[in-house]
Amino acid sequence: MSADDVAFLVRSPHRGAVLAALAETPADRSTLRERVGASRVTIGRITTDLEERGWVERRGNEYAVTNAGEAVAGAFERFLDTVETTRRLEPLLEYLPVGAFGFDLAALGDAEVVRPTPTDPGRHLSRLRELFETSSEVLMVVHAVAPRVVASAYEAAMAGGHHTHGVFTPAVTAAIRANPEVRRKVRAMLERGTMDIYERPSVPYQIATFDETAIVSADDETGVPRGIVVSESPVVREWVAEEFDRLRADATALSAEAFRVPDGADGADTAPGP
């Protein structure tokens, strides 16, 4: 579909609707008037224009799309979906790793956009906590982790039936070691077999899955999340899971011992427990 085709369809509020209606099923002009809500004159003019472009053809008293018309109708529908998705994601779009997406942006059409607000700066973290509470398996790739997120994973693990798999950067593992309470919880999960940690030098973005739900973090140039996008799309979820596997493949697995403080060191661990 060319730029001229797009311009032709968007210049009239009814052209795309008529083409879409005929892509579903052939119809005469009277039926098209009812389905599209346009006048007799408008329907007549549009069907003539569509015929001239080779997108529809007459079949007796009815009009039907040609193969070219069916292709254009599908492309235009995807174009409209992408435009609508772009508008919905606009507050976070410049921070999302769109260039890396292995799916069309329209797949995020029904995604939930969660942003911090002045009155609720941890809103996105609260949403993650909700997902931890209701999921049984989490895959996550992160370059930063908040104690609240670790606490959510820990509580879910202690409740039973929950496992977290994480690909972390050295900055994350260092932050875990530096916080005695976070370190204790991470060690407990590793020892109980409810968490796996893999370390790699860097990660290109922050993503996660919570069972069938996918998360993409919208991080600014300093790596600070400006919000998250929460999607139930199987296509988005599949991309996140594949990226997790790819990034984990060359990462180093860490055991509970990696988070043990040497005896006599300040803040040395006590025996782990709930």
C-alpha atoms as a PDB file:
ATOM      1  CA  MET A   1       0.000   0.000   0.000  1.00  0.00           C
ATOM      2  CA  SER A   2       1.526   3.292  -1.137  1.00  0.00           C
ATOM      3  CA  ALA A   3       1.426   6.677   0.547  1.00  0.00           C
ATOM      4  CA  ASP A   4      -1.062   7.767  -2.120  1.00  0.00           C
ATOM      5  CA  ASP A   5      -3.318   4.835  -1.232  1.00  0.00           C
ATOM      6  CA  VAL A   6      -3.218   5.792   2.448  1.00  0.00           C
ATOM      7  CA  ALA A   7      -3.955   9.436   1.627  1.00  0.00           C
ATOM      8  CA  PHE A   8      -6.876   8.405  -0.582  1.00  0.00           C
ATOM      9  CA  LEU A   9      -8.426   6.316   2.196  1.00  0.00           C
ATOM     10  CA  VAL A  10      -7.910   8.756   5.070  1.00  0.00           C
ATOM     11  CA  ARG A  11      -9.208  11.808   3.179  1.00  0.00           C
ATOM     12  CA  SER A  12     -12.731  10.425   3.496  1.00  0.00           C
ATOM     13  CA  PRO A  13     -14.204   8.991   6.707  1.00  0.00           C
ATOM     14  CA  HIS A  14     -16.154   6.447   4.659  1.00  0.00           C
ATOM     15  CA  ARG A  15     -13.733   5.097   2.032  1.00  0.00           C
ATOM     16  CA  GLY A  16     -11.880   2.810   4.405  1.00  0.00           C
ATOM     17  CA  ALA A  17     -15.152   1.721   5.992  1.00  0.00           C
ATOM     18  CA  VAL A  18     -16.642   0.739   2.621  1.00  0.00           C
ATOM     19  CA  LEU A  19     -13.526  -1.188   1.631  1.00  0.00           C
ATOM     20  CA  ALA A  20     -13.450  -2.962   5.006  1.00  0.00           C
ATOM     21  CA  ALA A  21     -17.143  -3.844   4.734  1.00  0.00           C
ATOM     22  CA  LEU A  22     -16.660  -5.351   1.290  1.00  0.00           C
ATOM     23  CA  ALA A  23     -13.590  -7.245   2.475  1.00  0.00           C
ATOM     24  CA  GLU A  24     -15.890  -9.014   4.940  1.00  0.00           C
ATOM     25  CA  THR A  25     -18.631  -9.866   2.438  1.00  0.00           C
ATOM     26  CA  PRO A  26     -19.955  -8.650  -0.934  1.00  0.00           C
ATOM     27  CA  ALA A  27     -22.811  -6.154  -0.700  1.00  0.00           C
ATOM     28  CA  ASP A  28     -24.993  -3.915  -2.841  1.00  0.00           C
ATOM     29  CA  ARG A  29     -25.100  -0.140  -2.426  1.00  0.00           C
ATOM     30  CA  SER A  30     -28.210  -0.218  -0.246  1.00  0.00           C
ATOM     31  CA  THR A  31     -26.572  -2.639   2.187  1.00  0.00           C
ATOM     32  CA  LEU A  32     -23.397  -0.555   2.203  1.00  0.00           C
ATOM     33  CA  ARG A  33     -25.409   2.568   3.098  1.00  0.00           C
ATOM     34  CA  GLU A  34     -26.818   0.748   6.117  1.00  0.00           C
ATOM     35  CA  ARG A  35     -23.495  -0.720   7.210  1.00  0.00           C
ATOM     36  CA  VAL A  36     -21.398   2.402   6.737  1.00  0.00           C
ATOM     37  CA  GLY A  37     -23.969   5.079   7.547  1.00  0.00           C
ATOM     38  CA  ALA A  38     -23.264   7.185   4.455  1.00  0.00           C
ATOM     39  CA  SER A  39     -25.621   8.733   1.928  1.00  0.00           C
ATOM     40  CA  ARG A  40     -26.597   7.128  -1.379  1.00  0.00           C
ATOM     41  CA  VAL A  41     -24.547   9.699  -3.292  1.00  0.00           C
ATOM     42  CA  THR A  42     -21.479   9.128  -1.109  1.00  0.00           C
ATOM     43  CA  ILE A  43     -21.676   5.339  -1.463  1.00  0.00           C
ATOM     44  CA  GLY A  44     -22.068   5.677  -5.217  1.00  0.00           C
ATOM     45  CA  ARG A  45     -19.039   7.938  -5.505  1.00  0.00           C
ATOM     46  CA  ILE A  46     -16.882   5.730  -3.259  1.00  0.00           C
ATOM     47  CA  THR A  47     -17.705   2.471  -5.030  1.00  0.00           C
ATOM     48  CA  THR A  48     -16.899   4.133  -8.355  1.00  0.00           C
ATOM     49  CA  ASP A  49     -13.562   5.389  -7.002  1.00  0.00           C
ATOM     50  CA  LEU A  50     -12.716   1.963  -5.583  1.00  0.00           C
ATOM     51  CA  GLU A  51     -13.576   0.331  -8.916  1.00  0.00           C
ATOM     52  CA  GLU A  52     -11.268   2.732 -10.745  1.00  0.00           C
ATOM     53  CA  ARG A  53      -8.429   1.754  -8.417  1.00  0.00           C
ATOM     54  CA  GLY A  54      -9.070  -1.924  -9.078  1.00  0.00           C
ATOM     55  CA  TRP A  55      -9.918  -2.658  -5.456  1.00  0.00           C
ATOM     56  CA  VAL A  56     -13.553  -3.659  -5.966  1.00  0.00           C
ATOM     57  CA  GLU A  57     -15.562  -5.081  -8.824  1.00  0.00           C
ATOM     58  CA  ARG A  58     -19.217  -5.562  -9.675  1.00  0.00           C
ATOM     59  CA  ARG A  59     -20.770  -8.988  -9.378  1.00  0.00           C
ATOM     60  CA  GLY A  60     -24.330  -8.555 -10.524  1.00  0.00           C
ATOM     61  CA  ASN A  61     -25.966  -6.044  -8.193  1.00  0.00           C
ATOM     62  CA  GLU A  62     -23.244  -6.399  -5.587  1.00  0.00           C
ATOM     63  CA  TYR A  63     -19.715  -5.161  -5.103  1.00  0.00           C
ATOM     64  CA  ALA A  64     -16.870  -7.401  -3.947  1.00  0.00           C
ATOM     65  CA  VAL A  65     -13.198  -6.778  -3.250  1.00  0.00           C
ATOM     66  CA  THR A  66     -10.580  -7.925  -5.712  1.00  0.00           C
ATOM     67  CA  ASN A  67      -7.416  -9.633  -4.527  1.00  0.00           C
ATOM     68  CA  ALA A  68      -5.711  -6.244  -4.574  1.00  0.00           C
ATOM     69  CA  GLY A  69      -8.585  -4.704  -2.631  1.00  0.00           C
ATOM     70  CA  GLU A  70      -8.431  -7.417   0.005  1.00  0.00           C
ATOM     71  CA  ALA A  71      -4.695  -6.821   0.453  1.00  0.00           C
ATOM     72  CA  VAL A  72      -5.188  -3.049   0.727  1.00  0.00           C
ATOM     73  CA  ALA A  73      -8.040  -3.475   3.218  1.00  0.00           C
ATOM     74  CA  GLY A  74      -5.853  -5.644   5.430  1.00  0.00           C
ATOM     75  CA  ALA A  75      -2.894  -3.274   5.199  1.00  0.00           C
ATOM     76  CA  PHE A  76      -5.080  -0.263   5.984  1.00  0.00           C
ATOM     77  CA  GLU A  77      -6.580  -1.981   9.011  1.00  0.00           C
ATOM     78  CA  ARG A  78      -3.087  -2.726  10.330  1.00  0.00           C
ATOM     79  CA  PHE A  79      -2.085   0.873   9.653  1.00  0.00           C
ATOM     80  CA  LEU A  80      -5.037   2.179  11.671  1.00  0.00           C
ATOM     81  CA  ASP A  81      -4.249  -0.261  14.485  1.00  0.00           C
ATOM     82  CA  THR A  82      -0.656   0.968  14.579  1.00  0.00           C
ATOM     83  CA  VAL A  83      -1.738   4.618  14.633  1.00  0.00           C
ATOM     84  CA  GLU A  84      -4.163   3.949  17.484  1.00  0.00           C
ATOM     85  CA  THR A  85      -1.538   1.986  19.413  1.00  0.00           C
ATOM     86  CA  THR A  86       0.995   4.780  18.917  1.00  0.00           C
ATOM     87  CA  ARG A  87      -1.444   7.280  20.391  1.00  0.00           C
ATOM     88  CA  ARG A  88      -2.103   5.070  23.427  1.00  0.00           C
ATOM     89  CA  LEU A  89       1.592   4.444  24.040  1.00  0.00           C
ATOM     90  CA  GLU A  90       2.641   8.025  23.338  1.00  0.00           C
ATOM     91  CA  PRO A  91       3.553   8.892  26.968  1.00  0.00           C
ATOM     92  CA  LEU A  92       6.140   6.078  26.970  1.00  0.00           C
ATOM     93  CA  LEU A  93       6.821   5.471  23.296  1.00  0.00           C
ATOM     94  CA  GLU A  94      10.142   7.338  23.101  1.00  0.00           C
ATOM     95  CA  TYR A  95      11.501   5.179  25.939  1.00  0.00           C
ATOM     96  CA  LEU A  96      10.389   1.765  24.658  1.00  0.00           C
ATOM     97  CA  PRO A  97      12.889  -0.413  22.710  1.00  0.00           C
ATOM     98  CA  VAL A  98      10.641  -0.373  19.642  1.00  0.00           C
ATOM     99  CA  GLY A  99      13.526  -1.042  17.252  1.00  0.00           C
ATOM    100  CA  ALA A 100      14.204  -4.361  18.969  1.00  0.00           C
ATOM    101  CA  PHE A 101      10.613  -5.562  18.975  1.00  0.00           C
ATOM    102  CA  GLY A 102      10.123  -8.796  17.079  1.00  0.00           C
ATOM    103  CA  PHE A 103       6.459  -7.954  16.544  1.00  0.00           C
ATOM    104  CA  ASP A 104       4.309  -5.242  15.016  1.00  0.00           C
ATOM    105  CA  LEU A 105       3.649  -2.330  17.349  1.00  0.00           C
ATOM    106  CA  ALA A 106      -0.073  -2.925  16.876  1.00  0.00           C
ATOM    107  CA  ALA A 107       0.320  -6.050  19.038  1.00  0.00           C
ATOM    108  CA  LEU A 108       0.446  -3.651  21.993  1.00  0.00           C
ATOM    109  CA  GLY A 109      -2.937  -2.212  21.058  1.00  0.00           C
ATOM    110  CA  ASP A 110      -4.630  -3.504  24.211  1.00  0.00           C
ATOM    111  CA  ALA A 111      -1.630  -3.043  26.490  1.00  0.00           C
ATOM    112  CA  GLU A 112      -1.920  -1.367  29.869  1.00  0.00           C
ATOM    113  CA  VAL A 113       0.282   1.705  30.288  1.00  0.00           C
ATOM    114  CA  VAL A 114       1.433   2.160  33.897  1.00  0.00           C
ATOM    115  CA  ARG A 115       3.335   5.328  34.805  1.00  0.00           C
ATOM    116  CA  PRO A 116       4.511   6.793  38.092  1.00  0.00           C
ATOM    117  CA  THR A 117       2.606   9.897  39.151  1.00  0.00           C
ATOM    118  CA  PRO A 118       3.480  12.712  41.579  1.00  0.00           C
ATOM    119  CA  THR A 119       1.037  11.254  44.102  1.00  0.00           C
ATOM    120  CA  ASP A 120       2.020   7.627  43.399  1.00  0.00           C
ATOM    121  CA  PRO A 121       5.680   7.486  42.305  1.00  0.00           C
ATOM    122  CA  GLY A 122       5.799   3.717  42.859  1.00  0.00           C
ATOM    123  CA  ARG A 123       2.703   2.911  40.836  1.00  0.00           C
ATOM    124  CA  HIS A 124       4.581   0.709  38.376  1.00  0.00           C
ATOM    125  CA  LEU A 125       6.200  -1.187  41.272  1.00  0.00           C
ATOM    126  CA  SER A 126       2.783  -1.754  42.820  1.00  0.00           C
ATOM    127  CA  ARG A 127       1.603  -3.218  39.512  1.00  0.00           C
ATOM    128  CA  LEU A 128       4.576  -5.584  39.497  1.00  0.00           C
ATOM    129  CA  ARG A 129       3.754  -6.638  43.041  1.00  0.00           C
ATOM    130  CA  GLU A 130       0.220  -7.526  41.942  1.00  0.00           C
ATOM    131  CA  LEU A 131       1.623  -9.673  39.151  1.00  0.00           C
ATOM    132  CA  PHE A 132       4.008 -11.477  41.503  1.00  0.00           C
ATOM    133  CA  GLU A 133       1.087 -12.277  43.807  1.00  0.00           C
ATOM    134  CA  THR A 134      -0.976 -13.881  41.041  1.00  0.00           C
ATOM    135  CA  SER A 135       1.686 -15.667  38.951  1.00  0.00           C
ATOM    136  CA  SER A 136       3.446 -18.998  39.310  1.00  0.00           C
ATOM    137  CA  GLU A 137       6.467 -18.391  37.058  1.00  0.00           C
ATOM    138  CA  VAL A 138       8.375 -15.201  36.318  1.00  0.00           C
ATOM    139  CA  LEU A 139      11.085 -14.611  33.723  1.00  0.00           C
ATOM    140  CA  MET A 140      12.854 -11.289  34.143  1.00  0.00           C
ATOM    141  CA  VAL A 141      15.746  -9.423  32.537  1.00  0.00           C
ATOM    142  CA  VAL A 142      16.777  -6.360  34.563  1.00  0.00           C
ATOM    143  CA  HIS A 143      19.638  -3.922  35.118  1.00  0.00           C
ATOM    144  CA  ALA A 144      18.153  -2.580  38.358  1.00  0.00           C
ATOM    145  CA  VAL A 145      15.928  -4.064  41.015  1.00  0.00           C
ATOM    146  CA  ALA A 146      14.025  -2.381  43.825  1.00  0.00           C
ATOM    147  CA  PRO A 147      13.851  -3.992  47.278  1.00  0.00           C
ATOM    148  CA  ARG A 148      10.063  -3.913  46.912  1.00  0.00           C
ATOM    149  CA  VAL A 149      10.296  -6.149  43.846  1.00  0.00           C
ATOM    150  CA  VAL A 150      12.540  -8.631  45.673  1.00  0.00           C
ATOM    151  CA  ALA A 151      10.118  -8.608  48.599  1.00  0.00           C
ATOM    152  CA  SER A 152       7.246  -9.376  46.221  1.00  0.00           C
ATOM    153  CA  ALA A 153       9.136 -12.318  44.700  1.00  0.00           C
ATOM    154  CA  TYR A 154      10.093 -13.572  48.153  1.00  0.00           C
ATOM    155  CA  GLU A 155       6.557 -13.410  49.520  1.00  0.00           C
ATOM    156  CA  ALA A 156       5.191 -15.206  46.462  1.00  0.00           C
ATOM    157  CA  ALA A 157       7.885 -17.893  46.769  1.00  0.00           C
ATOM    158  CA  MET A 158       7.231 -18.428  50.476  1.00  0.00           C
ATOM    159  CA  ALA A 159       3.505 -18.766  49.756  1.00  0.00           C
ATOM    160  CA  GLY A 160       4.370 -21.723  47.507  1.00  0.00           C
ATOM    161  CA  GLY A 161       4.009 -22.569  43.830  1.00  0.00           C
ATOM    162  CA  HIS A 162       6.102 -19.661  42.556  1.00  0.00           C
ATOM    163  CA  HIS A 163       9.469 -19.575  40.750  1.00  0.00           C
ATOM    164  CA  THR A 164      11.471 -16.572  39.536  1.00  0.00           C
ATOM    165  CA  HIS A 165      14.140 -16.828  36.833  1.00  0.00           C
ATOM    166  CA  GLY A 166      16.299 -13.713  36.526  1.00  0.00           C
ATOM    167  CA  VAL A 167      18.977 -12.456  34.173  1.00  0.00           C
ATOM    168  CA  PHE A 168      20.766  -9.721  36.123  1.00  0.00           C
ATOM    169  CA  THR A 169      23.673  -7.371  35.505  1.00  0.00           C
ATOM    170  CA  PRO A 170      26.603  -7.086  37.955  1.00  0.00           C
ATOM    171  CA  ALA A 171      25.050  -3.843  39.214  1.00  0.00           C
ATOM    172  CA  VAL A 172      21.973  -5.780  40.314  1.00  0.00           C
ATOM    173  CA  THR A 173      23.875  -8.576  42.029  1.00  0.00           C
ATOM    174  CA  ALA A 174      26.113  -5.999  43.752  1.00  0.00           C
ATOM    175  CA  ALA A 175      23.046  -4.125  44.987  1.00  0.00           C
ATOM    176  CA  ILE A 176      21.613  -7.384  46.335  1.00  0.00           C
ATOM    177  CA  ARG A 177      24.826  -8.130  48.239  1.00  0.00           C
ATOM    178  CA  ALA A 178      24.930  -4.591  49.631  1.00  0.00           C
ATOM    179  CA  ASN A 179      21.483  -4.816  51.215  1.00  0.00           C
ATOM    180  CA  PRO A 180      21.446  -7.405  54.044  1.00  0.00           C
ATOM    181  CA  GLU A 181      17.676  -7.900  54.001  1.00  0.00           C
ATOM    182  CA  VAL A 182      17.472  -8.228  50.219  1.00  0.00           C
ATOM    183  CA  ARG A 183      20.506 -10.542  50.224  1.00  0.00           C
ATOM    184  CA  ARG A 184      18.906 -12.765  52.865  1.00  0.00           C
ATOM    185  CA  LYS A 185      15.713 -13.109  50.852  1.00  0.00           C
ATOM    186  CA  VAL A 186      17.532 -13.840  47.604  1.00  0.00           C
ATOM    187  CA  ARG A 187      19.714 -16.474  49.287  1.00  0.00           C
ATOM    188  CA  ALA A 188      16.649 -18.077  50.821  1.00  0.00           C
ATOM    189  CA  MET A 189      14.945 -18.342  47.439  1.00  0.00           C
ATOM    190  CA  LEU A 190      18.068 -19.734  45.782  1.00  0.00           C
ATOM    191  CA  GLU A 191      18.517 -22.334  48.525  1.00  0.00           C
ATOM    192  CA  ARG A 192      14.873 -23.349  48.381  1.00  0.00           C
ATOM    193  CA  GLY A 193      14.997 -23.692  44.593  1.00  0.00           C
ATOM    194  CA  THR A 194      12.379 -21.006  43.985  1.00  0.00           C
ATOM    195  CA  MET A 195      14.765 -18.656  42.175  1.00  0.00           C
ATOM    196  CA  ASP A 196      17.446 -18.955  39.498  1.00  0.00           C
ATOM    197  CA  ILE A 197      19.865 -16.089  38.870  1.00  0.00           C
ATOM    198  CA  TYR A 198      22.062 -15.626  35.814  1.00  0.00           C
ATOM    199  CA  GLU A 199      24.554 -12.779  35.514  1.00  0.00           C
ATOM    200  CA  ARG A 200      25.741 -11.134  32.309  1.00  0.00           C
ATOM    201  CA  PRO A 201      27.745  -7.920  31.798  1.00  0.00           C
ATOM    202  CA  SER A 202      24.804  -5.941  30.454  1.00  0.00           C
ATOM    203  CA  VAL A 203      21.241  -6.225  29.211  1.00  0.00           C
ATOM    204  CA  PRO A 204      19.755  -4.145  26.380  1.00  0.00           C
ATOM    205  CA  TYR A 205      16.416  -3.502  28.093  1.00  0.00           C
ATOM    206  CA  GLN A 206      14.252  -4.602  30.994  1.00  0.00           C
ATOM    207  CA  ILE A 207      11.539  -7.141  30.209  1.00  0.00           C
ATOM    208  CA  ALA A 208       9.618  -9.839  32.033  1.00  0.00           C
ATOM    209  CA  THR A 209       6.838 -12.374  31.823  1.00  0.00           C
ATOM    210  CA  PHE A 210       4.449 -13.249  34.615  1.00  0.00           C
ATOM    211  CA  ASP A 211       2.846 -16.476  33.409  1.00  0.00           C
ATOM    212  CA  GLU A 212       1.031 -15.305  30.243  1.00  0.00           C
ATOM    213  CA  THR A 213       1.500 -11.585  30.907  1.00  0.00           C
ATOM    214  CA  ALA A 214       4.412  -9.691  29.344  1.00  0.00           C
ATOM    215  CA  ILE A 215       6.104  -6.577  30.706  1.00  0.00           C
ATOM    216  CA  VAL A 216       8.302  -4.127  28.816  1.00  0.00           C
ATOM    217  CA  SER A 217       9.941  -1.365  30.823  1.00  0.00           C
ATOM    218  CA  ALA A 218      10.176   2.122  29.321  1.00  0.00           C
ATOM    219  CA  ASP A 219      13.598   3.289  30.529  1.00  0.00           C
ATOM    220  CA  ASP A 220      15.085   6.715  29.859  1.00  0.00           C
ATOM    221  CA  GLU A 221      18.668   7.332  28.733  1.00  0.00           C
ATOM    222  CA  THR A 222      19.921   6.947  32.304  1.00  0.00           C
ATOM    223  CA  GLY A 223      18.157   3.616  32.758  1.00  0.00           C
ATOM    224  CA  VAL A 224      15.416   4.961  35.016  1.00  0.00           C
ATOM    225  CA  PRO A 225      11.974   3.461  34.276  1.00  0.00           C
ATOM    226  CA  ARG A 226       9.448   6.052  33.146  1.00  0.00           C
ATOM    227  CA  GLY A 227       6.776   3.378  33.341  1.00  0.00           C
ATOM    228  CA  ILE A 228       5.915  -0.098  32.132  1.00  0.00           C
ATOM    229  CA  VAL A 229       3.728  -1.593  29.442  1.00  0.00           C
ATOM    230  CA  VAL A 230       1.696  -4.627  30.503  1.00  0.00           C
ATOM    231  CA  SER A 231       0.491  -6.860  27.662  1.00  0.00           C
ATOM    232  CA  GLU A 232      -1.568 -10.032  27.414  1.00  0.00           C
ATOM    233  CA  SER A 233      -0.688 -10.487  23.738  1.00  0.00           C
ATOM    234  CA  PRO A 234       0.729 -13.973  22.991  1.00  0.00           C
ATOM    235  CA  VAL A 235       2.967 -12.402  20.339  1.00  0.00           C
ATOM    236  CA  VAL A 236       4.510  -9.970  22.811  1.00  0.00           C
ATOM    237  CA  ARG A 237       4.848 -12.662  25.460  1.00  0.00           C
ATOM    238  CA  GLU A 238       6.607 -14.969  22.994  1.00  0.00           C
ATOM    239  CA  TRP A 239       9.096 -12.244  22.053  1.00  0.00           C
ATOM    240  CA  VAL A 240       9.926 -11.522  25.704  1.00  0.00           C
ATOM    241  CA  ALA A 241      10.390 -15.237  26.459  1.00  0.00           C
ATOM    242  CA  GLU A 242      12.660 -15.667  23.433  1.00  0.00           C
ATOM    243  CA  GLU A 243      14.730 -12.641  24.446  1.00  0.00           C
ATOM    244  CA  PHE A 244      15.051 -14.042  27.963  1.00  0.00           C
ATOM    245  CA  ASP A 245      16.351 -17.345  26.577  1.00  0.00           C
ATOM    246  CA  ARG A 246      18.767 -15.550  24.241  1.00  0.00           C
ATOM    247  CA  LEU A 247      20.214 -13.366  26.992  1.00  0.00           C
ATOM    248  CA  ARG A 248      20.402 -16.220  29.476  1.00  0.00           C
ATOM    249  CA  ALA A 249      22.300 -18.434  27.021  1.00  0.00           C
ATOM    250  CA  ASP A 250      25.634 -16.654  27.568  1.00  0.00           C
ATOM    251  CA  ALA A 251      25.049 -15.645  31.194  1.00  0.00           C
ATOM    252  CA  THR A 252      26.661 -17.215  34.264  1.00  0.00           C
ATOM    253  CA  ALA A 253      24.476 -19.080  36.736  1.00  0.00           C
ATOM    254  CA  LEU A 254      24.906 -17.927  40.343  1.00  0.00           C
ATOM    255  CA  SER A 255      24.294 -20.062  43.415  1.00  0.00           C
ATOM    256  CA  ALA A 256      23.314 -19.039  46.934  1.00  0.00           C
ATOM    257  CA  GLU A 257      27.015 -18.992  47.833  1.00  0.00           C
ATOM    258  CA  ALA A 258      27.472 -15.986  45.554  1.00  0.00           C
ATOM    259  CA  PHE A 259      25.398 -14.000  48.026  1.00  0.00           C
ATOM    260  CA  ARG A 260      27.049 -15.182  51.231  1.00  0.00           C
ATOM    261  CA  VAL A 261      29.084 -12.635  53.163  1.00  0.00           C
ATOM    262  CA  PRO A 262      32.440 -13.967  54.476  1.00  0.00           C
ATOM    263  CA  ASP A 263      32.477 -14.765  58.188  1.00  0.00           C
ATOM    264  CA  GLY A 264      33.457 -11.759  60.241  1.00  0.00           C
ATOM    265  CA  ALA A 265      32.463  -9.242  57.563  1.00  0.00           C
ATOM    266  CA  ASP A 266      30.196  -6.389  58.561  1.00  0.00           C
ATOM    267  CA  GLY A 267      26.567  -7.322  58.034  1.00  0.00           C
ATOM    268  CA  ALA A 268      27.356 -11.043  57.800  1.00  0.00           C
ATOM    269  CA  ASP A 269      24.338 -13.217  57.137  1.00  0.00           C
ATOM    270  CA  THR A 270      22.437 -15.088  59.727  1.00  0.00           C
ATOM    271  CA  ALA A 271      20.764 -18.333  58.846  1.00  0.00           C
ATOM    272  CA  PRO A 272      18.239 -17.703  56.070  1.00  0.00           C
ATOM    273  CA  GLY A 273      14.590 -18.087  56.811  1.00  0.00           C
ATOM    274  CA  PRO A 274      11.210 -16.715  55.918  1.00  0.00           C
END
